[in-house]
Amino acid sequence: MEEEKLVVTADLSSEEDMLYHKQWKQSNRLSLVLLRMIIANNIKANIPQTKSIKEYLMLVVESFHSMDKSLGILMAQLMTMKYDRLRRMQEYIIEMNNIAARLKTLGMMVDDSFLV
């Protein structure tokens, strides 16, 4: 998909131009269908529907950048957590489990032995 968007063909366009436009539209549509099938559900859910493969890929890239930031922040929170005795142990454990669950939705599994 080197071309961003084709100009709508007019009645005066040659048959070759019309065929090229038809093939381009079909290629764009098939590419979108294929990407939507292979992208993970947790990423796909955050990406709005578009009609252009180029727009869709840009939104996927933006989604990955934000996920990388979130992943780093959550991992840092989990790694630096310490029990400070200001709250109950149960609240501390629940918070750790919540962070581990959010990491799981981003695709990173946290082993229970790591949490202990």
PDB file of N, CA and C in Angstrom:
ATOM      1  N   MET A   1       0.832  -1.180   0.000  1.00  0.00           N
ATOM      2  CA  MET A   1       0.000   0.000   0.000  1.00  0.00           C
ATOM      3  C   MET A   1       0.879   1.246   0.000  1.00  0.00           C
ATOM      4  N   GLU A   2       1.507   1.518  -1.100  1.00  0.00           N
ATOM      5  CA  GLU A   2       2.383   2.671  -1.183  1.00  0.00           C
ATOM      6  C   GLU A   2       1.596   3.962  -1.322  1.00  0.00           C
ATOM      7  N   GLU A   3       0.454   3.893  -1.977  1.00  0.00           N
ATOM      8  CA  GLU A   3      -0.336   5.086  -2.195  1.00  0.00           C
ATOM      9  C   GLU A   3      -1.315   5.259  -1.050  1.00  0.00           C
ATOM     10  N   GLU A   4      -1.429   6.512  -0.583  1.00  0.00           N
ATOM     11  CA  GLU A   4      -2.300   6.773   0.547  1.00  0.00           C
ATOM     12  C   GLU A   4      -3.765   6.620   0.176  1.00  0.00           C
ATOM     13  N   LYS A   5      -4.188   7.315  -0.844  1.00  0.00           N
ATOM     14  CA  LYS A   5      -5.582   7.247  -1.242  1.00  0.00           C
ATOM     15  C   LYS A   5      -5.659   7.578  -2.724  1.00  0.00           C
ATOM     16  N   LEU A   6      -6.417   6.832  -3.435  1.00  0.00           N
ATOM     17  CA  LEU A   6      -6.574   7.092  -4.857  1.00  0.00           C
ATOM     18  C   LEU A   6      -7.650   8.137  -5.087  1.00  0.00           C
ATOM     19  N   VAL A   7      -7.473   8.908  -6.152  1.00  0.00           N
ATOM     20  CA  VAL A   7      -8.472   9.888  -6.535  1.00  0.00           C
ATOM     21  C   VAL A   7      -9.656   9.128  -7.138  1.00  0.00           C
ATOM     22  N   VAL A   8     -10.857   9.547  -6.795  1.00  0.00           N
ATOM     23  CA  VAL A   8     -12.048   8.880  -7.306  1.00  0.00           C
ATOM     24  C   VAL A   8     -12.064   9.002  -8.820  1.00  0.00           C
ATOM     25  N   THR A   9     -12.300   7.892  -9.474  1.00  0.00           N
ATOM     26  CA  THR A   9     -12.268   7.890 -10.926  1.00  0.00           C
ATOM     27  C   THR A   9     -13.502   8.570 -11.488  1.00  0.00           C
ATOM     28  N   ALA A  10     -13.302   9.334 -12.537  1.00  0.00           N
ATOM     29  CA  ALA A  10     -14.403  10.018 -13.217  1.00  0.00           C
ATOM     30  C   ALA A  10     -14.879   9.163 -14.385  1.00  0.00           C
ATOM     31  N   ASP A  11     -15.957   9.577 -14.992  1.00  0.00           N
ATOM     32  CA  ASP A  11     -16.485   8.831 -16.133  1.00  0.00           C
ATOM     33  C   ASP A  11     -15.501   8.830 -17.300  1.00  0.00           C
ATOM     34  N   LEU A  12     -14.647   9.824 -17.370  1.00  0.00           N
ATOM     35  CA  LEU A  12     -13.722   9.935 -18.486  1.00  0.00           C
ATOM     36  C   LEU A  12     -12.451   9.113 -18.278  1.00  0.00           C
ATOM     37  N   SER A  13     -12.286   8.484 -17.123  1.00  0.00           N
ATOM     38  CA  SER A  13     -11.093   7.692 -16.841  1.00  0.00           C
ATOM     39  C   SER A  13     -11.026   6.490 -17.772  1.00  0.00           C
ATOM     40  N   SER A  14      -9.822   6.083 -18.033  1.00  0.00           N
ATOM     41  CA  SER A  14      -9.643   4.922 -18.901  1.00  0.00           C
ATOM     42  C   SER A  14     -10.007   3.653 -18.137  1.00  0.00           C
ATOM     43  N   GLU A  15     -10.238   2.597 -18.881  1.00  0.00           N
ATOM     44  CA  GLU A  15     -10.569   1.319 -18.251  1.00  0.00           C
ATOM     45  C   GLU A  15      -9.416   0.832 -17.372  1.00  0.00           C
ATOM     46  N   GLU A  16      -8.208   1.144 -17.788  1.00  0.00           N
ATOM     47  CA  GLU A  16      -7.029   0.745 -17.015  1.00  0.00           C
ATOM     48  C   GLU A  16      -7.032   1.426 -15.644  1.00  0.00           C
ATOM     49  N   ASP A  17      -7.376   2.719 -15.625  1.00  0.00           N
ATOM     50  CA  ASP A  17      -7.445   3.453 -14.353  1.00  0.00           C
ATOM     51  C   ASP A  17      -8.551   2.903 -13.460  1.00  0.00           C
ATOM     52  N   MET A  18      -9.678   2.578 -14.055  1.00  0.00           N
ATOM     53  CA  MET A  18     -10.793   2.049 -13.280  1.00  0.00           C
ATOM     54  C   MET A  18     -10.449   0.682 -12.695  1.00  0.00           C
ATOM     55  N   LEU A  19      -9.775  -0.147 -13.473  1.00  0.00           N
ATOM     56  CA  LEU A  19      -9.354  -1.463 -12.995  1.00  0.00           C
ATOM     57  C   LEU A  19      -8.345  -1.320 -11.862  1.00  0.00           C
ATOM     58  N   TYR A  20      -7.396  -0.391 -12.026  1.00  0.00           N
ATOM     59  CA  TYR A  20      -6.383  -0.151 -10.997  1.00  0.00           C
ATOM     60  C   TYR A  20      -7.060   0.310  -9.698  1.00  0.00           C
ATOM     61  N   HIS A  21      -8.007   1.212  -9.815  1.00  0.00           N
ATOM     62  CA  HIS A  21      -8.727   1.719  -8.640  1.00  0.00           C
ATOM     63  C   HIS A  21      -9.494   0.589  -7.948  1.00  0.00           C
ATOM     64  N   LYS A  22     -10.133  -0.251  -8.725  1.00  0.00           N
ATOM     65  CA  LYS A  22     -10.885  -1.379  -8.164  1.00  0.00           C
ATOM     66  C   LYS A  22      -9.951  -2.346  -7.436  1.00  0.00           C
ATOM     67  N   GLN A  23      -8.795  -2.635  -8.037  1.00  0.00           N
ATOM     68  CA  GLN A  23      -7.826  -3.533  -7.408  1.00  0.00           C
ATOM     69  C   GLN A  23      -7.251  -2.911  -6.138  1.00  0.00           C
ATOM     70  N   TRP A  24      -7.006  -1.612  -6.159  1.00  0.00           N
ATOM     71  CA  TRP A  24      -6.477  -0.932  -4.984  1.00  0.00           C
ATOM     72  C   TRP A  24      -7.468  -1.013  -3.832  1.00  0.00           C
ATOM     73  N   LYS A  25      -8.752  -0.756  -4.107  1.00  0.00           N
ATOM     74  CA  LYS A  25      -9.774  -0.826  -3.068  1.00  0.00           C
ATOM     75  C   LYS A  25      -9.879  -2.230  -2.492  1.00  0.00           C
ATOM     76  N   GLN A  26      -9.816  -3.231  -3.355  1.00  0.00           N
ATOM     77  CA  GLN A  26      -9.908  -4.616  -2.896  1.00  0.00           C
ATOM     78  C   GLN A  26      -8.690  -4.983  -2.045  1.00  0.00           C
ATOM     79  N   SER A  27      -7.515  -4.561  -2.468  1.00  0.00           N
ATOM     80  CA  SER A  27      -6.303  -4.839  -1.707  1.00  0.00           C
ATOM     81  C   SER A  27      -6.352  -4.167  -0.334  1.00  0.00           C
ATOM     82  N   ASN A  28      -6.813  -2.933  -0.287  1.00  0.00           N
ATOM     83  CA  ASN A  28      -6.944  -2.199   0.971  1.00  0.00           C
ATOM     84  C   ASN A  28      -7.907  -2.913   1.915  1.00  0.00           C
ATOM     85  N   ARG A  29      -9.063  -3.320   1.377  1.00  0.00           N
ATOM     86  CA  ARG A  29     -10.080  -3.993   2.193  1.00  0.00           C
ATOM     87  C   ARG A  29      -9.571  -5.330   2.722  1.00  0.00           C
ATOM     88  N   LEU A  30      -8.915  -6.124   1.864  1.00  0.00           N
ATOM     89  CA  LEU A  30      -8.393  -7.424   2.294  1.00  0.00           C
ATOM     90  C   LEU A  30      -7.284  -7.269   3.334  1.00  0.00           C
ATOM     91  N   SER A  31      -6.461  -6.258   3.172  1.00  0.00           N
ATOM     92  CA  SER A  31      -5.394  -6.006   4.147  1.00  0.00           C
ATOM     93  C   SER A  31      -5.976  -5.663   5.509  1.00  0.00           C
ATOM     94  N   LEU A  32      -7.032  -4.846   5.521  1.00  0.00           N
ATOM     95  CA  LEU A  32      -7.689  -4.500   6.781  1.00  0.00           C
ATOM     96  C   LEU A  32      -8.288  -5.730   7.448  1.00  0.00           C
ATOM     97  N   VAL A  33      -8.943  -6.569   6.665  1.00  0.00           N
ATOM     98  CA  VAL A  33      -9.550  -7.779   7.218  1.00  0.00           C
ATOM     99  C   VAL A  33      -8.482  -8.685   7.815  1.00  0.00           C
ATOM    100  N   LEU A  34      -7.390  -8.851   7.108  1.00  0.00           N
ATOM    101  CA  LEU A  34      -6.306  -9.704   7.584  1.00  0.00           C
ATOM    102  C   LEU A  34      -5.708  -9.169   8.885  1.00  0.00           C
ATOM    103  N   LEU A  35      -5.434  -7.881   8.944  1.00  0.00           N
ATOM    104  CA  LEU A  35      -4.865  -7.304  10.166  1.00  0.00           C
ATOM    105  C   LEU A  35      -5.815  -7.437  11.347  1.00  0.00           C
ATOM    106  N   ARG A  36      -7.085  -7.197  11.104  1.00  0.00           N
ATOM    107  CA  ARG A  36      -8.055  -7.308  12.197  1.00  0.00           C
ATOM    108  C   ARG A  36      -8.165  -8.740  12.710  1.00  0.00           C
ATOM    109  N   MET A  37      -7.880  -9.704  11.840  1.00  0.00           N
ATOM    110  CA  MET A  37      -7.933 -11.101  12.276  1.00  0.00           C
ATOM    111  C   MET A  37      -6.727 -11.485  13.114  1.00  0.00           C
ATOM    112  N   ILE A  38      -5.543 -10.957  12.800  1.00  0.00           N
ATOM    113  CA  ILE A  38      -4.327 -11.435  13.462  1.00  0.00           C
ATOM    114  C   ILE A  38      -3.899 -10.602  14.663  1.00  0.00           C
ATOM    115  N   ILE A  39      -4.443  -9.399  14.816  1.00  0.00           N
ATOM    116  CA  ILE A  39      -4.059  -8.558  15.954  1.00  0.00           C
ATOM    117  C   ILE A  39      -4.777  -9.053  17.207  1.00  0.00           C
ATOM    118  N   ALA A  40      -4.064  -9.073  18.310  1.00  0.00           N
ATOM    119  CA  ALA A  40      -4.619  -9.550  19.588  1.00  0.00           C
ATOM    120  C   ALA A  40      -5.828  -8.726  20.001  1.00  0.00           C
ATOM    121  N   ASN A  41      -6.762  -9.371  20.670  1.00  0.00           N
ATOM    122  CA  ASN A  41      -8.027  -8.730  21.049  1.00  0.00           C
ATOM    123  C   ASN A  41      -7.831  -7.538  21.974  1.00  0.00           C
ATOM    124  N   ASN A  42      -6.867  -7.623  22.907  1.00  0.00           N
ATOM    125  CA  ASN A  42      -6.686  -6.499  23.833  1.00  0.00           C
ATOM    126  C   ASN A  42      -6.150  -5.258  23.122  1.00  0.00           C
ATOM    127  N   ILE A  43      -5.469  -5.429  22.002  1.00  0.00           N
ATOM    128  CA  ILE A  43      -5.003  -4.289  21.211  1.00  0.00           C
ATOM    129  C   ILE A  43      -6.120  -3.829  20.292  1.00  0.00           C
ATOM    130  N   LYS A  44      -6.782  -4.788  19.666  1.00  0.00           N
ATOM    131  CA  LYS A  44      -7.832  -4.493  18.689  1.00  0.00           C
ATOM    132  C   LYS A  44      -8.987  -3.714  19.319  1.00  0.00           C
ATOM    133  N   ALA A  45      -9.272  -3.970  20.573  1.00  0.00           N
ATOM    134  CA  ALA A  45     -10.409  -3.319  21.231  1.00  0.00           C
ATOM    135  C   ALA A  45     -10.213  -1.812  21.354  1.00  0.00           C
ATOM    136  N   ASN A  46      -8.968  -1.351  21.398  1.00  0.00           N
ATOM    137  CA  ASN A  46      -8.683   0.067  21.579  1.00  0.00           C
ATOM    138  C   ASN A  46      -8.505   0.829  20.278  1.00  0.00           C
ATOM    139  N   ILE A  47      -8.606   0.147  19.154  1.00  0.00           N
ATOM    140  CA  ILE A  47      -8.355   0.779  17.863  1.00  0.00           C
ATOM    141  C   ILE A  47      -9.681   1.010  17.149  1.00  0.00           C
ATOM    142  N   PRO A  48      -9.971   2.269  16.788  1.00  0.00           N
ATOM    143  CA  PRO A  48     -11.228   2.530  16.081  1.00  0.00           C
ATOM    144  C   PRO A  48     -11.199   1.963  14.659  1.00  0.00           C
ATOM    145  N   GLN A  49     -12.367   1.701  14.114  1.00  0.00           N
ATOM    146  CA  GLN A  49     -12.479   1.185  12.755  1.00  0.00           C
ATOM    147  C   GLN A  49     -12.154   2.291  11.757  1.00  0.00           C
ATOM    148  N   THR A  50     -11.359   1.952  10.761  1.00  0.00           N
ATOM    149  CA  THR A  50     -11.025   2.887   9.690  1.00  0.00           C
ATOM    150  C   THR A  50     -11.238   2.203   8.352  1.00  0.00           C
ATOM    151  N   LYS A  51     -11.210   2.983   7.294  1.00  0.00           N
ATOM    152  CA  LYS A  51     -11.368   2.422   5.962  1.00  0.00           C
ATOM    153  C   LYS A  51     -10.045   2.357   5.216  1.00  0.00           C
ATOM    154  N   SER A  52      -8.991   2.880   5.811  1.00  0.00           N
ATOM    155  CA  SER A  52      -7.685   2.897   5.173  1.00  0.00           C
ATOM    156  C   SER A  52      -6.704   2.058   5.984  1.00  0.00           C
ATOM    157  N   ILE A  53      -5.966   1.213   5.309  1.00  0.00           N
ATOM    158  CA  ILE A  53      -4.977   0.369   5.979  1.00  0.00           C
ATOM    159  C   ILE A  53      -3.874   1.216   6.603  1.00  0.00           C
ATOM    160  N   LYS A  54      -3.516   2.319   5.948  1.00  0.00           N
ATOM    161  CA  LYS A  54      -2.455   3.182   6.470  1.00  0.00           C
ATOM    162  C   LYS A  54      -2.874   3.821   7.798  1.00  0.00           C
ATOM    163  N   GLU A  55      -4.114   4.315   7.854  1.00  0.00           N
ATOM    164  CA  GLU A  55      -4.627   4.893   9.100  1.00  0.00           C
ATOM    165  C   GLU A  55      -4.664   3.841  10.208  1.00  0.00           C
ATOM    166  N   TYR A  56      -5.113   2.646   9.862  1.00  0.00           N
ATOM    167  CA  TYR A  56      -5.222   1.561  10.841  1.00  0.00           C
ATOM    168  C   TYR A  56      -3.845   1.210  11.408  1.00  0.00           C
ATOM    169  N   LEU A  57      -2.837   1.120  10.548  1.00  0.00           N
ATOM    170  CA  LEU A  57      -1.483   0.805  11.008  1.00  0.00           C
ATOM    171  C   LEU A  57      -0.931   1.906  11.903  1.00  0.00           C
ATOM    172  N   MET A  58      -1.224   3.152  11.585  1.00  0.00           N
ATOM    173  CA  MET A  58      -0.765   4.257  12.431  1.00  0.00           C
ATOM    174  C   MET A  58      -1.409   4.177  13.816  1.00  0.00           C
ATOM    175  N   LEU A  59      -2.691   3.818  13.861  1.00  0.00           N
ATOM    176  CA  LEU A  59      -3.376   3.679  15.144  1.00  0.00           C
ATOM    177  C   LEU A  59      -2.820   2.501  15.945  1.00  0.00           C
ATOM    178  N   VAL A  60      -2.429   1.426  15.274  1.00  0.00           N
ATOM    179  CA  VAL A  60      -1.816   0.276  15.948  1.00  0.00           C
ATOM    180  C   VAL A  60      -0.480   0.684  16.559  1.00  0.00           C
ATOM    181  N   VAL A  61       0.318   1.422  15.801  1.00  0.00           N
ATOM    182  CA  VAL A  61       1.623   1.879  16.311  1.00  0.00           C
ATOM    183  C   VAL A  61       1.435   2.762  17.538  1.00  0.00           C
ATOM    184  N   GLU A  62       0.487   3.704  17.476  1.00  0.00           N
ATOM    185  CA  GLU A  62       0.211   4.567  18.626  1.00  0.00           C
ATOM    186  C   GLU A  62      -0.238   3.749  19.832  1.00  0.00           C
ATOM    187  N   SER A  63      -1.030   2.738  19.589  1.00  0.00           N
ATOM    188  CA  SER A  63      -1.510   1.882  20.666  1.00  0.00           C
ATOM    189  C   SER A  63      -0.354   1.155  21.343  1.00  0.00           C
ATOM    190  N   PHE A  64       0.598   0.661  20.538  1.00  0.00           N
ATOM    191  CA  PHE A  64       1.752  -0.027  21.106  1.00  0.00           C
ATOM    192  C   PHE A  64       2.616   0.910  21.929  1.00  0.00           C
ATOM    193  N   HIS A  65       2.784   2.150  21.475  1.00  0.00           N
ATOM    194  CA  HIS A  65       3.583   3.104  22.246  1.00  0.00           C
ATOM    195  C   HIS A  65       2.957   3.361  23.607  1.00  0.00           C
ATOM    196  N   SER A  66       1.651   3.549  23.632  1.00  0.00           N
ATOM    197  CA  SER A  66       0.993   3.800  24.920  1.00  0.00           C
ATOM    198  C   SER A  66       1.023   2.555  25.801  1.00  0.00           C
ATOM    199  N   MET A  67       0.918   1.358  25.191  1.00  0.00           N
ATOM    200  CA  MET A  67       0.985   0.126  25.976  1.00  0.00           C
ATOM    201  C   MET A  67       2.375  -0.061  26.562  1.00  0.00           C
ATOM    202  N   ASP A  68       3.429   0.275  25.810  1.00  0.00           N
ATOM    203  CA  ASP A  68       4.789   0.157  26.324  1.00  0.00           C
ATOM    204  C   ASP A  68       4.990   1.045  27.540  1.00  0.00           C
ATOM    205  N   LYS A  69       4.453   2.263  27.483  1.00  0.00           N
ATOM    206  CA  LYS A  69       4.573   3.173  28.613  1.00  0.00           C
ATOM    207  C   LYS A  69       3.822   2.618  29.826  1.00  0.00           C
ATOM    208  N   SER A  70       2.607   2.145  29.587  1.00  0.00           N
ATOM    209  CA  SER A  70       1.802   1.598  30.682  1.00  0.00           C
ATOM    210  C   SER A  70       2.481   0.387  31.298  1.00  0.00           C
ATOM    211  N   LEU A  71       3.030  -0.470  30.455  1.00  0.00           N
ATOM    212  CA  LEU A  71       3.713  -1.662  30.930  1.00  0.00           C
ATOM    213  C   LEU A  71       4.898  -1.299  31.816  1.00  0.00           C
ATOM    214  N   GLY A  72       5.674  -0.327  31.389  1.00  0.00           N
ATOM    215  CA  GLY A  72       6.832   0.113  32.176  1.00  0.00           C
ATOM    216  C   GLY A  72       6.438   0.702  33.514  1.00  0.00           C
ATOM    217  N   ILE A  73       5.390   1.516  33.508  1.00  0.00           N
ATOM    218  CA  ILE A  73       4.927   2.146  34.751  1.00  0.00           C
ATOM    219  C   ILE A  73       4.406   1.094  35.728  1.00  0.00           C
ATOM    220  N   LEU A  74       3.597   0.156  35.220  1.00  0.00           N
ATOM    221  CA  LEU A  74       3.049  -0.875  36.101  1.00  0.00           C
ATOM    222  C   LEU A  74       4.134  -1.791  36.647  1.00  0.00           C
ATOM    223  N   MET A  75       5.103  -2.156  35.811  1.00  0.00           N
ATOM    224  CA  MET A  75       6.205  -3.005  36.277  1.00  0.00           C
ATOM    225  C   MET A  75       7.015  -2.282  37.354  1.00  0.00           C
ATOM    226  N   ALA A  76       7.254  -0.989  37.154  1.00  0.00           N
ATOM    227  CA  ALA A  76       7.995  -0.218  38.157  1.00  0.00           C
ATOM    228  C   ALA A  76       7.224  -0.160  39.471  1.00  0.00           C
ATOM    229  N   GLN A  77       5.908   0.026  39.387  1.00  0.00           N
ATOM    230  CA  GLN A  77       5.089   0.049  40.603  1.00  0.00           C
ATOM    231  C   GLN A  77       5.177  -1.285  41.336  1.00  0.00           C
ATOM    232  N   LEU A  78       5.057  -2.355  40.589  1.00  0.00           N
ATOM    233  CA  LEU A  78       5.069  -3.682  41.199  1.00  0.00           C
ATOM    234  C   LEU A  78       6.437  -3.996  41.815  1.00  0.00           C
ATOM    235  N   MET A  79       7.500  -3.628  41.128  1.00  0.00           N
ATOM    236  CA  MET A  79       8.851  -3.945  41.610  1.00  0.00           C
ATOM    237  C   MET A  79       9.243  -3.121  42.841  1.00  0.00           C
ATOM    238  N   THR A  80       8.703  -1.919  42.965  1.00  0.00           N
ATOM    239  CA  THR A  80       9.121  -1.049  44.067  1.00  0.00           C
ATOM    240  C   THR A  80       8.149  -1.029  45.239  1.00  0.00           C
ATOM    241  N   MET A  81       7.080  -1.803  45.161  1.00  0.00           N
ATOM    242  CA  MET A  81       6.109  -1.836  46.256  1.00  0.00           C
ATOM    243  C   MET A  81       6.727  -2.448  47.508  1.00  0.00           C
ATOM    244  N   LYS A  82       6.475  -1.802  48.636  1.00  0.00           N
ATOM    245  CA  LYS A  82       6.929  -2.323  49.918  1.00  0.00           C
ATOM    246  C   LYS A  82       5.804  -2.173  50.925  1.00  0.00           C
ATOM    247  N   TYR A  83       5.714  -3.146  51.775  1.00  0.00           N
ATOM    248  CA  TYR A  83       4.698  -3.085  52.828  1.00  0.00           C
ATOM    249  C   TYR A  83       5.161  -2.074  53.866  1.00  0.00           C
ATOM    250  N   ASP A  84       4.364  -1.016  54.069  1.00  0.00           N
ATOM    251  CA  ASP A  84       4.771   0.087  54.940  1.00  0.00           C
ATOM    252  C   ASP A  84       4.047   0.114  56.286  1.00  0.00           C
ATOM    253  N   ARG A  85       3.197  -0.846  56.558  1.00  0.00           N
ATOM    254  CA  ARG A  85       2.459  -0.999  57.809  1.00  0.00           C
ATOM    255  C   ARG A  85       1.471   0.134  58.074  1.00  0.00           C
ATOM    256  N   LEU A  86       1.255   1.021  57.118  1.00  0.00           N
ATOM    257  CA  LEU A  86       0.271   2.085  57.291  1.00  0.00           C
ATOM    258  C   LEU A  86      -1.140   1.603  56.943  1.00  0.00           C
ATOM    259  N   ARG A  87      -1.213   0.547  56.180  1.00  0.00           N
ATOM    260  CA  ARG A  87      -2.508  -0.037  55.830  1.00  0.00           C
ATOM    261  C   ARG A  87      -2.453  -1.526  56.107  1.00  0.00           C
ATOM    262  N   ARG A  88      -3.594  -2.143  56.008  1.00  0.00           N
ATOM    263  CA  ARG A  88      -3.642  -3.568  56.322  1.00  0.00           C
ATOM    264  C   ARG A  88      -2.949  -4.387  55.236  1.00  0.00           C
ATOM    265  N   MET A  89      -2.463  -5.541  55.614  1.00  0.00           N
ATOM    266  CA  MET A  89      -1.776  -6.445  54.692  1.00  0.00           C
ATOM    267  C   MET A  89      -2.717  -6.851  53.554  1.00  0.00           C
ATOM    268  N   GLN A  90      -3.985  -7.029  53.866  1.00  0.00           N
ATOM    269  CA  GLN A  90      -4.961  -7.434  52.859  1.00  0.00           C
ATOM    270  C   GLN A  90      -5.048  -6.390  51.734  1.00  0.00           C
ATOM    271  N   GLU A  91      -5.054  -5.107  52.077  1.00  0.00           N
ATOM    272  CA  GLU A  91      -5.113  -4.039  51.070  1.00  0.00           C
ATOM    273  C   GLU A  91      -3.862  -4.046  50.192  1.00  0.00           C
ATOM    274  N   TYR A  92      -2.724  -4.293  50.804  1.00  0.00           N
ATOM    275  CA  TYR A  92      -1.463  -4.371  50.078  1.00  0.00           C
ATOM    276  C   TYR A  92      -1.485  -5.527  49.070  1.00  0.00           C
ATOM    277  N   ILE A  93      -1.972  -6.678  49.494  1.00  0.00           N
ATOM    278  CA  ILE A  93      -2.043  -7.854  48.615  1.00  0.00           C
ATOM    279  C   ILE A  93      -3.034  -7.612  47.481  1.00  0.00           C
ATOM    280  N   ILE A  94      -4.160  -6.991  47.787  1.00  0.00           N
ATOM    281  CA  ILE A  94      -5.157  -6.690  46.751  1.00  0.00           C
ATOM    282  C   ILE A  94      -4.574  -5.736  45.714  1.00  0.00           C
ATOM    283  N   GLU A  95      -3.839  -4.751  46.156  1.00  0.00           N
ATOM    284  CA  GLU A  95      -3.214  -3.808  45.219  1.00  0.00           C
ATOM    285  C   GLU A  95      -2.213  -4.518  44.314  1.00  0.00           C
ATOM    286  N   MET A  96      -1.427  -5.413  44.875  1.00  0.00           N
ATOM    287  CA  MET A  96      -0.470  -6.172  44.056  1.00  0.00           C
ATOM    288  C   MET A  96      -1.196  -7.041  43.030  1.00  0.00           C
ATOM    289  N   ASN A  97      -2.273  -7.680  43.446  1.00  0.00           N
ATOM    290  CA  ASN A  97      -3.048  -8.502  42.517  1.00  0.00           C
ATOM    291  C   ASN A  97      -3.692  -7.663  41.415  1.00  0.00           C
ATOM    292  N   ASN A  98      -4.136  -6.464  41.752  1.00  0.00           N
ATOM    293  CA  ASN A  98      -4.719  -5.577  40.749  1.00  0.00           C
ATOM    294  C   ASN A  98      -3.674  -5.168  39.705  1.00  0.00           C
ATOM    295  N   ILE A  99      -2.484  -4.846  40.143  1.00  0.00           N
ATOM    296  CA  ILE A  99      -1.414  -4.492  39.206  1.00  0.00           C
ATOM    297  C   ILE A  99      -1.070  -5.690  38.330  1.00  0.00           C
ATOM    298  N   ALA A 100      -0.996  -6.876  38.922  1.00  0.00           N
ATOM    299  CA  ALA A 100      -0.702  -8.086  38.147  1.00  0.00           C
ATOM    300  C   ALA A 100      -1.800  -8.357  37.120  1.00  0.00           C
ATOM    301  N   ALA A 101      -3.053  -8.095  37.481  1.00  0.00           N
ATOM    302  CA  ALA A 101      -4.162  -8.291  36.541  1.00  0.00           C
ATOM    303  C   ALA A 101      -4.078  -7.291  35.391  1.00  0.00           C
ATOM    304  N   ARG A 102      -3.719  -6.051  35.681  1.00  0.00           N
ATOM    305  CA  ARG A 102      -3.577  -5.055  34.609  1.00  0.00           C
ATOM    306  C   ARG A 102      -2.415  -5.411  33.698  1.00  0.00           C
ATOM    307  N   LEU A 103      -1.341  -5.939  34.264  1.00  0.00           N
ATOM    308  CA  LEU A 103      -0.218  -6.385  33.432  1.00  0.00           C
ATOM    309  C   LEU A 103      -0.638  -7.548  32.535  1.00  0.00           C
ATOM    310  N   LYS A 104      -1.487  -8.413  33.061  1.00  0.00           N
ATOM    311  CA  LYS A 104      -1.963  -9.556  32.276  1.00  0.00           C
ATOM    312  C   LYS A 104      -2.772  -9.080  31.076  1.00  0.00           C
ATOM    313  N   THR A 105      -3.588  -8.033  31.253  1.00  0.00           N
ATOM    314  CA  THR A 105      -4.365  -7.510  30.123  1.00  0.00           C
ATOM    315  C   THR A 105      -3.462  -6.893  29.066  1.00  0.00           C
ATOM    316  N   LEU A 106      -2.268  -6.448  29.462  1.00  0.00           N
ATOM    317  CA  LEU A 106      -1.309  -5.905  28.501  1.00  0.00           C
ATOM    318  C   LEU A 106      -0.445  -6.997  27.879  1.00  0.00           C
ATOM    319  N   GLY A 107      -0.679  -8.237  28.284  1.00  0.00           N
ATOM    320  CA  GLY A 107       0.034  -9.356  27.667  1.00  0.00           C
ATOM    321  C   GLY A 107       1.233  -9.854  28.442  1.00  0.00           C
ATOM    322  N   MET A 108       1.435  -9.371  29.663  1.00  0.00           N
ATOM    323  CA  MET A 108       2.574  -9.809  30.471  1.00  0.00           C
ATOM    324  C   MET A 108       2.064 -10.633  31.647  1.00  0.00           C
ATOM    325  N   MET A 109       2.464 -11.875  31.674  1.00  0.00           N
ATOM    326  CA  MET A 109       2.051 -12.760  32.762  1.00  0.00           C
ATOM    327  C   MET A 109       2.990 -12.567  33.954  1.00  0.00           C
ATOM    328  N   VAL A 110       2.400 -12.428  35.138  1.00  0.00           N
ATOM    329  CA  VAL A 110       3.167 -12.306  36.371  1.00  0.00           C
ATOM    330  C   VAL A 110       2.932 -13.576  37.175  1.00  0.00           C
ATOM    331  N   ASP A 111       3.989 -14.295  37.452  1.00  0.00           N
ATOM    332  CA  ASP A 111       3.891 -15.550  38.182  1.00  0.00           C
ATOM    333  C   ASP A 111       3.549 -15.271  39.642  1.00  0.00           C
ATOM    334  N   ASP A 112       2.761 -16.152  40.231  1.00  0.00           N
ATOM    335  CA  ASP A 112       2.371 -15.993  41.634  1.00  0.00           C
ATOM    336  C   ASP A 112       3.574 -16.009  42.561  1.00  0.00           C
ATOM    337  N   SER A 113       4.578 -16.805  42.216  1.00  0.00           N
ATOM    338  CA  SER A 113       5.781 -16.858  43.066  1.00  0.00           C
ATOM    339  C   SER A 113       6.502 -15.505  43.064  1.00  0.00           C
ATOM    340  N   PHE A 114       6.387 -14.767  41.984  1.00  0.00           N
ATOM    341  CA  PHE A 114       6.986 -13.423  41.930  1.00  0.00           C
ATOM    342  C   PHE A 114       6.257 -12.473  42.880  1.00  0.00           C
ATOM    343  N   LEU A 115       4.946 -12.603  42.959  1.00  0.00           N
ATOM    344  CA  LEU A 115       4.168 -11.747  43.842  1.00  0.00           C
ATOM    345  C   LEU A 115       4.461 -12.038  45.301  1.00  0.00           C
ATOM    346  N   VAL A 116       4.746 -13.288  45.623  1.00  0.00           N
ATOM    347  CA  VAL A 116       5.019 -13.667  47.003  1.00  0.00           C
ATOM    348  C   VAL A 116       6.376 -13.109  47.377  1.00  0.00           C
TER     349      VAL A 116
END
